[in-house]
Amino acid sequence: MSARRAVGGSRYLYDSFDLAEARLAAQERLDEERRAGLEYRLGRIEAALERLEKRLWLTVYGVAAGVLAHGALALMVAPG
């Protein structure tokens, strides 16, 4: 019940306003839940991207180490 009813007047005059306020409050709660869900999913996506980035760098360093090892072996085997 709203404070407007204490002032007086017909309940039919204020019922539509009370309904509109209830709808707005429900929409705000729904928006908050949706935002919380989006933030949760974005956090999970960011964590997955960080793991993927670590794996990518590990692969890059592994390939670079393999190339360097191959080059070093080629230098050691080459006739001097």
Protein backbone atom coordinates (compact mmCIF):
# COMPACT_ATOMS: atom_id res chain seq x y z
CA MET A 1 0.00 0.00 0.00
CA SER A 2 1.27 3.37 -0.81
CA ALA A 3 1.41 6.50 1.32
CA ARG A 4 -0.93 8.24 -1.10
CA ARG A 5 -3.93 6.39 0.29
CA ALA A 6 -3.47 8.03 3.67
CA VAL A 7 -4.18 11.38 2.04
CA GLY A 8 -7.59 10.26 0.90
CA GLY A 9 -9.39 9.77 -2.33
CA SER A 10 -10.73 6.86 -4.23
CA ARG A 11 -8.78 3.63 -4.32
CA TYR A 12 -9.64 3.37 -8.01
CA LEU A 13 -7.71 6.56 -8.61
CA TYR A 14 -4.46 5.08 -7.24
CA ASP A 15 -4.74 1.39 -8.17
CA SER A 16 -3.27 1.92 -11.63
CA PHE A 17 -0.27 3.75 -10.12
CA ASP A 18 0.29 0.95 -7.60
CA LEU A 19 0.19 -1.60 -10.42
CA ALA A 20 2.69 0.41 -12.46
CA GLU A 21 5.02 0.66 -9.45
CA ALA A 22 4.78 -3.10 -8.88
CA ARG A 23 5.57 -3.78 -12.53
CA LEU A 24 8.58 -1.45 -12.41
CA ALA A 25 9.85 -3.09 -9.24
CA ALA A 26 9.45 -6.56 -10.78
CA GLN A 27 11.25 -5.42 -13.94
CA GLU A 28 14.11 -3.99 -11.88
CA ARG A 29 14.49 -7.28 -9.98
CA LEU A 30 14.46 -9.18 -13.25
CA ASP A 31 17.11 -6.87 -14.71
CA GLU A 32 19.30 -7.38 -11.62
CA GLU A 33 19.04 -11.16 -11.95
CA ARG A 34 19.85 -11.01 -15.65
CA ARG A 35 22.85 -8.79 -14.98
CA ALA A 36 24.10 -11.17 -12.28
CA GLY A 37 23.75 -14.08 -14.70
CA LEU A 38 25.64 -12.22 -17.41
CA GLU A 39 28.44 -11.28 -15.02
CA TYR A 40 28.72 -14.90 -13.90
CA ARG A 41 28.92 -16.16 -17.48
CA LEU A 42 31.41 -13.45 -18.46
CA GLY A 43 33.61 -14.43 -15.51
CA ARG A 44 33.58 -18.05 -16.65
CA ILE A 45 34.40 -17.03 -20.24
CA GLU A 46 37.29 -14.85 -19.04
CA ALA A 47 38.69 -17.71 -16.95
CA ALA A 48 38.46 -20.06 -19.94
CA LEU A 49 40.23 -17.52 -22.14
CA GLU A 50 43.03 -17.15 -19.60
CA ARG A 51 43.52 -20.93 -19.54
CA LEU A 52 43.51 -21.02 -23.33
CA GLU A 53 46.08 -18.22 -23.46
CA LYS A 54 48.37 -20.10 -21.05
CA ARG A 55 48.12 -23.22 -23.20
CA LEU A 56 48.85 -21.22 -26.33
CA TRP A 57 51.97 -19.66 -24.83
CA LEU A 58 53.12 -23.04 -23.57
CA THR A 59 52.75 -24.40 -27.11
CA VAL A 60 54.65 -21.45 -28.60
CA TYR A 61 57.50 -21.85 -26.11
CA GLY A 62 57.55 -25.61 -26.71
CA VAL A 63 57.87 -25.15 -30.47
CA ALA A 64 60.57 -22.51 -30.00
CA ALA A 65 62.50 -24.83 -27.67
CA GLY A 66 62.21 -27.65 -30.22
CA VAL A 67 63.52 -25.46 -33.00
CA LEU A 68 66.43 -24.27 -30.86
CA ALA A 69 67.25 -27.84 -29.80
CA HIS A 70 67.18 -28.98 -33.42
CA GLY A 71 69.48 -26.12 -34.40
CA ALA A 72 71.88 -26.90 -31.56
CA LEU A 73 72.01 -30.58 -32.57
CA ALA A 74 72.67 -29.60 -36.16
CA LEU A 75 75.59 -27.42 -35.03
CA MET A 76 77.01 -30.20 -32.87
CA VAL A 77 76.85 -32.77 -35.68
CA ALA A 78 78.23 -30.49 -38.39
CA PRO A 79 81.83 -31.15 -39.34
CA GLY A 80 84.02 -28.56 -37.89
